[in-house]
């Protein structure tokens, strides 16, 4: 079975007037923390998930609810894709290709991808950089956010997803708050949430991201520790 997107209440969703939002692990774990905070703070509704042959073999329980590897949530006119567990490399291309096709086929208004940019590249008091597809450039110019500097690179799932959306001629942008590269950075995630508040006229609190910063960092460090242990216990011939 290849990757399959399953939306359980599709007939009730106005995709054409919805914005798709996601964020992955990466510099400062910014996208992961921001999406996790958005879902918890806004009390979103899970509406779907992705199934496939090579899903991460890990799940967890949070507030009496099973957390699946790849979930879709709804909040107002936003469809939020939450990947709490990083896709394994063999699954990256297929999942992100299918996801991009689904975004375009569903006729979303636009897509916003949240990531992090190494704070060592920060200039003055800038908080964000933006990387738009060609169909989002004019909108991006109205946001008063500098474009990513020439020579700086985006890597990982965000790069793959934005590449597919560029080729499919879809309006999308990566929003990059400056983040600490060597540890989880809830403050950078707060900057991403503040962008959503300002651009989409939301009122999502970021207080918890600041007050619970150490707890969030500790939780992510525990996730990383468990992932390292799992990797060390796997048969070596899996990587041949």
C-alpha atoms as a PDB file:
ATOM      1  CA  UNK A   1       0.000   0.000   0.000  1.00  0.00           C
ATOM      2  CA  UNK A   2       1.403   3.386  -0.997  1.00  0.00           C
ATOM      3  CA  UNK A   3       0.782   6.473   1.127  1.00  0.00           C
ATOM      4  CA  UNK A   4      -2.899   7.356   1.339  1.00  0.00           C
ATOM      5  CA  UNK A   5      -4.492  10.510   2.747  1.00  0.00           C
ATOM      6  CA  UNK A   6      -7.745   9.806   4.582  1.00  0.00           C
ATOM      7  CA  UNK A   7     -10.056  12.690   5.550  1.00  0.00           C
ATOM      8  CA  UNK A   8     -12.960  11.421   7.624  1.00  0.00           C
ATOM      9  CA  UNK A   9     -15.359  14.396   7.252  1.00  0.00           C
ATOM     10  CA  UNK A  10     -14.360  15.662   3.812  1.00  0.00           C
ATOM     11  CA  UNK A  11     -17.860  16.712   2.789  1.00  0.00           C
ATOM     12  CA  UNK A  12     -18.006  19.205   5.669  1.00  0.00           C
ATOM     13  CA  UNK A  13     -14.789  21.067   4.821  1.00  0.00           C
ATOM     14  CA  UNK A  14     -14.537  24.103   2.570  1.00  0.00           C
ATOM     15  CA  UNK A  15     -10.999  23.492   1.305  1.00  0.00           C
ATOM     16  CA  UNK A  16     -11.160  26.329  -1.237  1.00  0.00           C
ATOM     17  CA  UNK A  17     -11.405  28.900   1.549  1.00  0.00           C
ATOM     18  CA  UNK A  18      -8.916  27.131   3.811  1.00  0.00           C
ATOM     19  CA  UNK A  19      -5.204  27.627   4.420  1.00  0.00           C
ATOM     20  CA  UNK A  20      -2.978  24.576   4.796  1.00  0.00           C
ATOM     21  CA  UNK A  21      -0.410  24.840   7.603  1.00  0.00           C
ATOM     22  CA  UNK A  22       2.369  22.489   8.670  1.00  0.00           C
ATOM     23  CA  UNK A  23       5.826  22.399  10.222  1.00  0.00           C
ATOM     24  CA  UNK A  24       8.426  19.668  10.663  1.00  0.00           C
ATOM     25  CA  UNK A  25      11.405  18.977  12.871  1.00  0.00           C
ATOM     26  CA  UNK A  26      14.447  21.006  11.940  1.00  0.00           C
ATOM     27  CA  UNK A  27      16.442  23.935  13.282  1.00  0.00           C
ATOM     28  CA  UNK A  28      15.239  24.592  16.808  1.00  0.00           C
ATOM     29  CA  UNK A  29      12.424  22.089  16.251  1.00  0.00           C
ATOM     30  CA  UNK A  30      10.567  25.301  15.432  1.00  0.00           C
ATOM     31  CA  UNK A  31       7.917  23.918  13.107  1.00  0.00           C
ATOM     32  CA  UNK A  32       7.197  20.922  15.322  1.00  0.00           C
ATOM     33  CA  UNK A  33       6.802  23.061  18.464  1.00  0.00           C
ATOM     34  CA  UNK A  34       4.656  25.680  16.701  1.00  0.00           C
ATOM     35  CA  UNK A  35       2.273  23.129  15.172  1.00  0.00           C
ATOM     36  CA  UNK A  36       2.016  21.194  18.438  1.00  0.00           C
ATOM     37  CA  UNK A  37       1.259  24.414  20.319  1.00  0.00           C
ATOM     38  CA  UNK A  38      -1.292  25.530  17.714  1.00  0.00           C
ATOM     39  CA  UNK A  39      -3.189  22.249  17.970  1.00  0.00           C
ATOM     40  CA  UNK A  40      -3.182  22.241  21.773  1.00  0.00           C
ATOM     41  CA  UNK A  41      -3.997  25.941  22.222  1.00  0.00           C
ATOM     42  CA  UNK A  42      -6.724  26.154  19.587  1.00  0.00           C
ATOM     43  CA  UNK A  43      -8.279  22.832  20.687  1.00  0.00           C
ATOM     44  CA  UNK A  44      -8.455  21.629  17.115  1.00  0.00           C
ATOM     45  CA  UNK A  45     -10.409  18.674  15.785  1.00  0.00           C
ATOM     46  CA  UNK A  46      -8.606  15.727  14.199  1.00  0.00           C
ATOM     47  CA  UNK A  47     -10.180  15.126  10.806  1.00  0.00           C
ATOM     48  CA  UNK A  48      -7.828  12.664   9.128  1.00  0.00           C
ATOM     49  CA  UNK A  49      -4.463  10.972   8.838  1.00  0.00           C
ATOM     50  CA  UNK A  50      -1.977   9.370   6.437  1.00  0.00           C
ATOM     51  CA  UNK A  51      -1.487   5.625   6.128  1.00  0.00           C
ATOM     52  CA  UNK A  52       1.335   3.925   4.246  1.00  0.00           C
ATOM     53  CA  UNK A  53       3.793   1.062   4.066  1.00  0.00           C
ATOM     54  CA  UNK A  54       6.676   2.881   5.747  1.00  0.00           C
ATOM     55  CA  UNK A  55       5.094   4.862   8.559  1.00  0.00           C
ATOM     56  CA  UNK A  56       7.275   5.537  11.606  1.00  0.00           C
ATOM     57  CA  UNK A  57       6.716   2.567  13.926  1.00  0.00           C
ATOM     58  CA  UNK A  58       5.878   4.697  16.948  1.00  0.00           C
ATOM     59  CA  UNK A  59       2.743   6.185  18.524  1.00  0.00           C
ATOM     60  CA  UNK A  60       1.975   7.886  21.832  1.00  0.00           C
ATOM     61  CA  UNK A  61      -0.902   8.837  24.104  1.00  0.00           C
ATOM     62  CA  UNK A  62      -1.578  12.463  24.990  1.00  0.00           C
ATOM     63  CA  UNK A  63      -4.480  13.633  27.131  1.00  0.00           C
ATOM     64  CA  UNK A  64      -6.242  10.276  26.670  1.00  0.00           C
ATOM     65  CA  UNK A  65      -5.954  10.463  22.870  1.00  0.00           C
ATOM     66  CA  UNK A  66      -3.834   8.300  20.619  1.00  0.00           C
ATOM     67  CA  UNK A  67      -1.392  10.373  18.551  1.00  0.00           C
ATOM     68  CA  UNK A  68      -0.788   8.924  15.086  1.00  0.00           C
ATOM     69  CA  UNK A  69       2.385   9.469  13.035  1.00  0.00           C
ATOM     70  CA  UNK A  70       0.708  11.864  10.565  1.00  0.00           C
ATOM     71  CA  UNK A  71      -2.527  13.679  11.440  1.00  0.00           C
ATOM     72  CA  UNK A  72      -4.755  16.378   9.942  1.00  0.00           C
ATOM     73  CA  UNK A  73      -6.557  18.832  12.227  1.00  0.00           C
ATOM     74  CA  UNK A  74      -9.096  21.583  11.565  1.00  0.00           C
ATOM     75  CA  UNK A  75      -9.298  25.008  13.207  1.00  0.00           C
ATOM     76  CA  UNK A  76     -11.540  27.691  11.705  1.00  0.00           C
ATOM     77  CA  UNK A  77     -10.405  28.032   8.057  1.00  0.00           C
ATOM     78  CA  UNK A  78      -7.145  26.176   8.640  1.00  0.00           C
ATOM     79  CA  UNK A  79      -6.225  22.581   7.934  1.00  0.00           C
ATOM     80  CA  UNK A  80      -3.169  21.685   9.991  1.00  0.00           C
ATOM     81  CA  UNK A  81      -0.887  18.777   9.172  1.00  0.00           C
ATOM     82  CA  UNK A  82       0.879  17.481  12.264  1.00  0.00           C
ATOM     83  CA  UNK A  83       3.836  15.114  11.840  1.00  0.00           C
ATOM     84  CA  UNK A  84       4.755  14.464  15.496  1.00  0.00           C
ATOM     85  CA  UNK A  85       7.272  11.864  14.367  1.00  0.00           C
ATOM     86  CA  UNK A  86       9.835  12.594  11.670  1.00  0.00           C
ATOM     87  CA  UNK A  87       9.190  10.591   8.468  1.00  0.00           C
ATOM     88  CA  UNK A  88      11.831   7.955   7.825  1.00  0.00           C
ATOM     89  CA  UNK A  89      13.965   8.853   4.768  1.00  0.00           C
ATOM     90  CA  UNK A  90      12.436   6.216   2.505  1.00  0.00           C
ATOM     91  CA  UNK A  91       8.997   7.736   3.159  1.00  0.00           C
ATOM     92  CA  UNK A  92       9.951  11.411   2.723  1.00  0.00           C
ATOM     93  CA  UNK A  93       9.583  11.688  -1.028  1.00  0.00           C
ATOM     94  CA  UNK A  94       6.372   9.686  -1.360  1.00  0.00           C
ATOM     95  CA  UNK A  95       4.490  11.304   1.513  1.00  0.00           C
ATOM     96  CA  UNK A  96       5.437  14.859   0.556  1.00  0.00           C
ATOM     97  CA  UNK A  97       4.666  14.267  -3.121  1.00  0.00           C
ATOM     98  CA  UNK A  98       1.228  12.872  -2.244  1.00  0.00           C
ATOM     99  CA  UNK A  99       0.658  15.682   0.230  1.00  0.00           C
ATOM    100  CA  UNK A 100       1.470  18.356  -2.365  1.00  0.00           C
ATOM    101  CA  UNK A 101      -0.826  16.736  -4.938  1.00  0.00           C
ATOM    102  CA  UNK A 102      -3.625  16.569  -2.370  1.00  0.00           C
ATOM    103  CA  UNK A 103      -3.178  20.245  -1.407  1.00  0.00           C
ATOM    104  CA  UNK A 104      -3.473  21.298  -5.057  1.00  0.00           C
ATOM    105  CA  UNK A 105      -6.306  18.877  -5.874  1.00  0.00           C
ATOM    106  CA  UNK A 106      -8.286  20.072  -2.832  1.00  0.00           C
ATOM    107  CA  UNK A 107      -7.927  23.668  -4.096  1.00  0.00           C
ATOM    108  CA  UNK A 108      -6.649  25.166  -0.866  1.00  0.00           C
ATOM    109  CA  UNK A 109      -6.309  28.947  -0.871  1.00  0.00           C
ATOM    110  CA  UNK A 110      -2.619  28.763   0.076  1.00  0.00           C
ATOM    111  CA  UNK A 111      -0.086  26.818   2.133  1.00  0.00           C
ATOM    112  CA  UNK A 112       2.066  28.124   4.990  1.00  0.00           C
ATOM    113  CA  UNK A 113       5.033  25.995   6.076  1.00  0.00           C
ATOM    114  CA  UNK A 114       6.742  26.780   9.388  1.00  0.00           C
ATOM    115  CA  UNK A 115      10.444  26.162   9.932  1.00  0.00           C
ATOM    116  CA  UNK A 116      13.496  27.638  11.604  1.00  0.00           C
ATOM    117  CA  UNK A 117      16.525  29.623  10.437  1.00  0.00           C
ATOM    118  CA  UNK A 118      19.875  29.515  12.231  1.00  0.00           C
ATOM    119  CA  UNK A 119      19.993  32.559  14.509  1.00  0.00           C
ATOM    120  CA  UNK A 120      23.641  33.126  13.577  1.00  0.00           C
ATOM    121  CA  UNK A 121      22.344  34.606  10.301  1.00  0.00           C
ATOM    122  CA  UNK A 122      20.093  37.115  12.044  1.00  0.00           C
ATOM    123  CA  UNK A 123      20.496  40.734  11.005  1.00  0.00           C
ATOM    124  CA  UNK A 124      19.618  43.554  13.397  1.00  0.00           C
ATOM    125  CA  UNK A 125      16.259  42.882  15.041  1.00  0.00           C
ATOM    126  CA  UNK A 126      14.633  40.875  12.277  1.00  0.00           C
ATOM    127  CA  UNK A 127      12.535  37.969  13.570  1.00  0.00           C
ATOM    128  CA  UNK A 128      11.521  36.209  10.353  1.00  0.00           C
ATOM    129  CA  UNK A 129      12.506  35.415   6.791  1.00  0.00           C
ATOM    130  CA  UNK A 130      10.216  34.117   4.059  1.00  0.00           C
ATOM    131  CA  UNK A 131      10.658  31.838   1.040  1.00  0.00           C
ATOM    132  CA  UNK A 132       7.662  31.975  -1.352  1.00  0.00           C
ATOM    133  CA  UNK A 133       6.736  30.007  -4.427  1.00  0.00           C
ATOM    134  CA  UNK A 134       6.351  32.068  -7.589  1.00  0.00           C
ATOM    135  CA  UNK A 135       2.582  32.168  -7.083  1.00  0.00           C
ATOM    136  CA  UNK A 136       2.994  33.662  -3.600  1.00  0.00           C
ATOM    137  CA  UNK A 137       5.629  36.300  -4.343  1.00  0.00           C
ATOM    138  CA  UNK A 138       3.237  39.248  -4.640  1.00  0.00           C
ATOM    139  CA  UNK A 139       1.489  38.287  -1.392  1.00  0.00           C
ATOM    140  CA  UNK A 140       4.870  37.836   0.301  1.00  0.00           C
ATOM    141  CA  UNK A 141       5.885  41.369  -0.666  1.00  0.00           C
ATOM    142  CA  UNK A 142       2.927  42.754   1.296  1.00  0.00           C
ATOM    143  CA  UNK A 143       3.968  41.009   4.537  1.00  0.00           C
ATOM    144  CA  UNK A 144       6.996  43.198   5.247  1.00  0.00           C
ATOM    145  CA  UNK A 145       9.159  40.131   5.857  1.00  0.00           C
ATOM    146  CA  UNK A 146      12.587  39.926   4.149  1.00  0.00           C
ATOM    147  CA  UNK A 147      13.150  37.101   1.707  1.00  0.00           C
ATOM    148  CA  UNK A 148      15.732  34.460   2.601  1.00  0.00           C
ATOM    149  CA  UNK A 149      19.221  35.677   1.772  1.00  0.00           C
ATOM    150  CA  UNK A 150      20.939  34.361  -1.330  1.00  0.00           C
ATOM    151  CA  UNK A 151      23.200  31.435  -0.514  1.00  0.00           C
ATOM    152  CA  UNK A 152      21.261  30.184   2.509  1.00  0.00           C
ATOM    153  CA  UNK A 153      19.645  26.779   2.106  1.00  0.00           C
ATOM    154  CA  UNK A 154      16.481  25.052   3.283  1.00  0.00           C
ATOM    155  CA  UNK A 155      16.808  21.319   3.827  1.00  0.00           C
ATOM    156  CA  UNK A 156      14.577  18.410   4.728  1.00  0.00           C
ATOM    157  CA  UNK A 157      10.796  17.943   4.439  1.00  0.00           C
ATOM    158  CA  UNK A 158      10.029  21.663   4.106  1.00  0.00           C
ATOM    159  CA  UNK A 159      12.358  21.931   1.120  1.00  0.00           C
ATOM    160  CA  UNK A 160      10.790  18.901  -0.554  1.00  0.00           C
ATOM    161  CA  UNK A 161       7.220  20.056   0.035  1.00  0.00           C
ATOM    162  CA  UNK A 162       7.903  23.606  -1.176  1.00  0.00           C
ATOM    163  CA  UNK A 163       9.644  22.191  -4.257  1.00  0.00           C
ATOM    164  CA  UNK A 164       6.577  20.136  -5.172  1.00  0.00           C
ATOM    165  CA  UNK A 165       4.255  23.118  -4.604  1.00  0.00           C
ATOM    166  CA  UNK A 166       6.473  25.358  -6.756  1.00  0.00           C
ATOM    167  CA  UNK A 167       6.389  22.866  -9.613  1.00  0.00           C
ATOM    168  CA  UNK A 168       2.618  22.520  -9.240  1.00  0.00           C
ATOM    169  CA  UNK A 169       2.293  26.330  -9.482  1.00  0.00           C
ATOM    170  CA  UNK A 170       0.643  26.631  -6.065  1.00  0.00           C
ATOM    171  CA  UNK A 171       0.767  29.680  -3.738  1.00  0.00           C
ATOM    172  CA  UNK A 172       2.842  28.713  -0.708  1.00  0.00           C
ATOM    173  CA  UNK A 173       5.585  30.051   1.526  1.00  0.00           C
ATOM    174  CA  UNK A 174       8.014  28.879   4.178  1.00  0.00           C
ATOM    175  CA  UNK A 175       8.059  31.158   7.230  1.00  0.00           C
ATOM    176  CA  UNK A 176      11.422  31.024   9.021  1.00  0.00           C
ATOM    177  CA  UNK A 177      11.792  32.512  12.508  1.00  0.00           C
ATOM    178  CA  UNK A 178      15.381  32.745  13.729  1.00  0.00           C
ATOM    179  CA  UNK A 179      16.091  29.800  16.042  1.00  0.00           C
ATOM    180  CA  UNK A 180      18.863  28.322  18.136  1.00  0.00           C
ATOM    181  CA  UNK A 181      20.470  25.544  16.050  1.00  0.00           C
ATOM    182  CA  UNK A 182      21.689  23.384  18.931  1.00  0.00           C
ATOM    183  CA  UNK A 183      18.538  22.994  21.021  1.00  0.00           C
ATOM    184  CA  UNK A 184      14.722  23.155  20.837  1.00  0.00           C
ATOM    185  CA  UNK A 185      13.671  26.792  20.651  1.00  0.00           C
ATOM    186  CA  UNK A 186      10.114  27.528  21.895  1.00  0.00           C
ATOM    187  CA  UNK A 187      10.746  31.282  21.526  1.00  0.00           C
ATOM    188  CA  UNK A 188      11.227  30.825  17.768  1.00  0.00           C
ATOM    189  CA  UNK A 189       7.995  28.820  17.648  1.00  0.00           C
ATOM    190  CA  UNK A 190       6.301  31.730  19.436  1.00  0.00           C
ATOM    191  CA  UNK A 191       7.466  34.045  16.640  1.00  0.00           C
ATOM    192  CA  UNK A 192       5.874  31.673  14.110  1.00  0.00           C
ATOM    193  CA  UNK A 193       2.589  31.724  16.034  1.00  0.00           C
ATOM    194  CA  UNK A 194       2.725  35.522  16.232  1.00  0.00           C
ATOM    195  CA  UNK A 195       3.065  35.612  12.447  1.00  0.00           C
ATOM    196  CA  UNK A 196      -0.137  33.569  12.166  1.00  0.00           C
ATOM    197  CA  UNK A 197      -1.850  35.873  14.675  1.00  0.00           C
ATOM    198  CA  UNK A 198      -0.915  38.991  12.735  1.00  0.00           C
ATOM    199  CA  UNK A 199      -1.409  37.723   9.189  1.00  0.00           C
ATOM    200  CA  UNK A 200      -4.633  35.802   9.818  1.00  0.00           C
ATOM    201  CA  UNK A 201      -6.077  37.952  12.621  1.00  0.00           C
ATOM    202  CA  UNK A 202      -5.952  35.196  15.213  1.00  0.00           C
ATOM    203  CA  UNK A 203      -5.561  35.506  18.952  1.00  0.00           C
ATOM    204  CA  UNK A 204      -3.477  32.485  19.895  1.00  0.00           C
ATOM    205  CA  UNK A 205      -1.565  32.877  23.137  1.00  0.00           C
ATOM    206  CA  UNK A 206       2.180  32.282  23.104  1.00  0.00           C
ATOM    207  CA  UNK A 207       2.637  32.719  26.840  1.00  0.00           C
ATOM    208  CA  UNK A 208       2.980  29.000  27.478  1.00  0.00           C
ATOM    209  CA  UNK A 209       5.784  28.723  24.940  1.00  0.00           C
ATOM    210  CA  UNK A 210       7.802  31.126  27.057  1.00  0.00           C
ATOM    211  CA  UNK A 211       6.794  30.015  30.546  1.00  0.00           C
ATOM    212  CA  UNK A 212       7.071  26.285  29.785  1.00  0.00           C
ATOM    213  CA  UNK A 213      10.176  26.559  27.590  1.00  0.00           C
ATOM    214  CA  UNK A 214      12.305  24.289  29.769  1.00  0.00           C
ATOM    215  CA  UNK A 215       9.584  21.653  29.997  1.00  0.00           C
ATOM    216  CA  UNK A 216       9.170  21.678  26.208  1.00  0.00           C
ATOM    217  CA  UNK A 217      12.919  21.314  25.735  1.00  0.00           C
ATOM    218  CA  UNK A 218      13.003  18.415  28.216  1.00  0.00           C
ATOM    219  CA  UNK A 219      10.144  16.639  26.411  1.00  0.00           C
ATOM    220  CA  UNK A 220      11.932  16.909  23.070  1.00  0.00           C
ATOM    221  CA  UNK A 221      15.216  15.730  24.568  1.00  0.00           C
ATOM    222  CA  UNK A 222      13.373  12.653  25.847  1.00  0.00           C
ATOM    223  CA  UNK A 223      11.931  12.040  22.364  1.00  0.00           C
ATOM    224  CA  UNK A 224      15.440  12.272  20.900  1.00  0.00           C
ATOM    225  CA  UNK A 225      16.796   9.886  23.539  1.00  0.00           C
ATOM    226  CA  UNK A 226      14.117   7.306  22.772  1.00  0.00           C
ATOM    227  CA  UNK A 227      14.717   7.658  19.019  1.00  0.00           C
ATOM    228  CA  UNK A 228      18.456   7.080  19.533  1.00  0.00           C
ATOM    229  CA  UNK A 229      17.772   3.961  21.591  1.00  0.00           C
ATOM    230  CA  UNK A 230      15.347   2.651  18.991  1.00  0.00           C
ATOM    231  CA  UNK A 231      17.872   3.271  16.217  1.00  0.00           C
ATOM    232  CA  UNK A 232      20.625   1.472  18.115  1.00  0.00           C
ATOM    233  CA  UNK A 233      18.395  -1.558  18.672  1.00  0.00           C
ATOM    234  CA  UNK A 234      17.383  -1.927  15.006  1.00  0.00           C
ATOM    235  CA  UNK A 235      19.150  -4.573  12.878  1.00  0.00           C
ATOM    236  CA  UNK A 236      22.065  -3.077  10.996  1.00  0.00           C
ATOM    237  CA  UNK A 237      21.109  -4.774   7.717  1.00  0.00           C
ATOM    238  CA  UNK A 238      18.055  -2.508   7.493  1.00  0.00           C
ATOM    239  CA  UNK A 239      20.343   0.200   6.177  1.00  0.00           C
ATOM    240  CA  UNK A 240      22.201  -1.832   3.554  1.00  0.00           C
END
